[in-house]
Amino acid sequence: MMSAPAAKSNRSPKSSGMLVWRLFYGFFGLIAASVIWFSTARPILVLPRITLAPGFYLSDQTGERFTSEDLRGQITLYSFTYTGCEAPCLQTSPVMAEVQARLPEVQSSVPLKLVTFSIDPDNDDAAQLQAFANEMGADPDVWHLVTGGAAQLKSVIGGGFSVYYKAQEDGRYKLDPAFFLVDGSGVMRAEYLTESPDIDIILRDFGLLAAEADHSDGIYRFAYEAAHLFSCYPR
């Protein structure tokens, strides 16, 4: 007995091809619309990944070794000064003191740290830095004042952070004031090239990095990577 012939499809090759192209354009149209929405609405804000911060191996106001590796997994604000910095020298430590006082305003599950480099190793030994730290109200668990050899400091501060400073004939230093915010992976994320940055902006930036660190795993990680891809930076 002969079997019945198979039913023929009513869909022509031309209509099938058109359907494929419609699906193709629809898919990429959806992606394009999503990209435009994400870059315009910016549902997640991030700080740019500027460059790797320099590593260092120095000592702090307690005389103990203090290195960049000690700050892994922590968000750190860096500054530069020396204890003899008096007018017309622009002393940046009052800014750090105010940031320290307001750090509890930042919601963060990762530690928040402050580090001040002294550019005057001949005069700013551990005892001098400790006296200055006491004067500024520095909490040793939060704010480290560090120093080291002149060559080490020049490599880290001048070479790594690109901060200019130079000893003058009268024993003072010419120093370009600057602050840098570095994430827990050692990546520089913000720079404030002034002696009096906006403290509210610094605290906001601490908060942005803290939120990113808190959502570094799981599905949120992809959203943050998308924010970096589409430059969803705060204005």
Foldseek 3Di string as FASTA:
>chain_A
DDDDDDDDDPDDPVNVVVVVVVVVVVVVVVVVVVLVCCLVVVPAAAFAQDFFADWAWWAWLVRDIDIPLVLAQEKEKEWEEAPPQDPVRQDQLLLVLVLVVCLVVADFPTHYAYEYEYLCVVPDDSPNRVVVCVVSVPDVVHYTYTYHDNVRCCCRVCVRVVWDKDADPVRDMDTFTKMWIAHNVRTTGDIDRHSDDDSVVVSVNSNSRRVCSVQCDDPVVVVVVSCNVSVNHDD
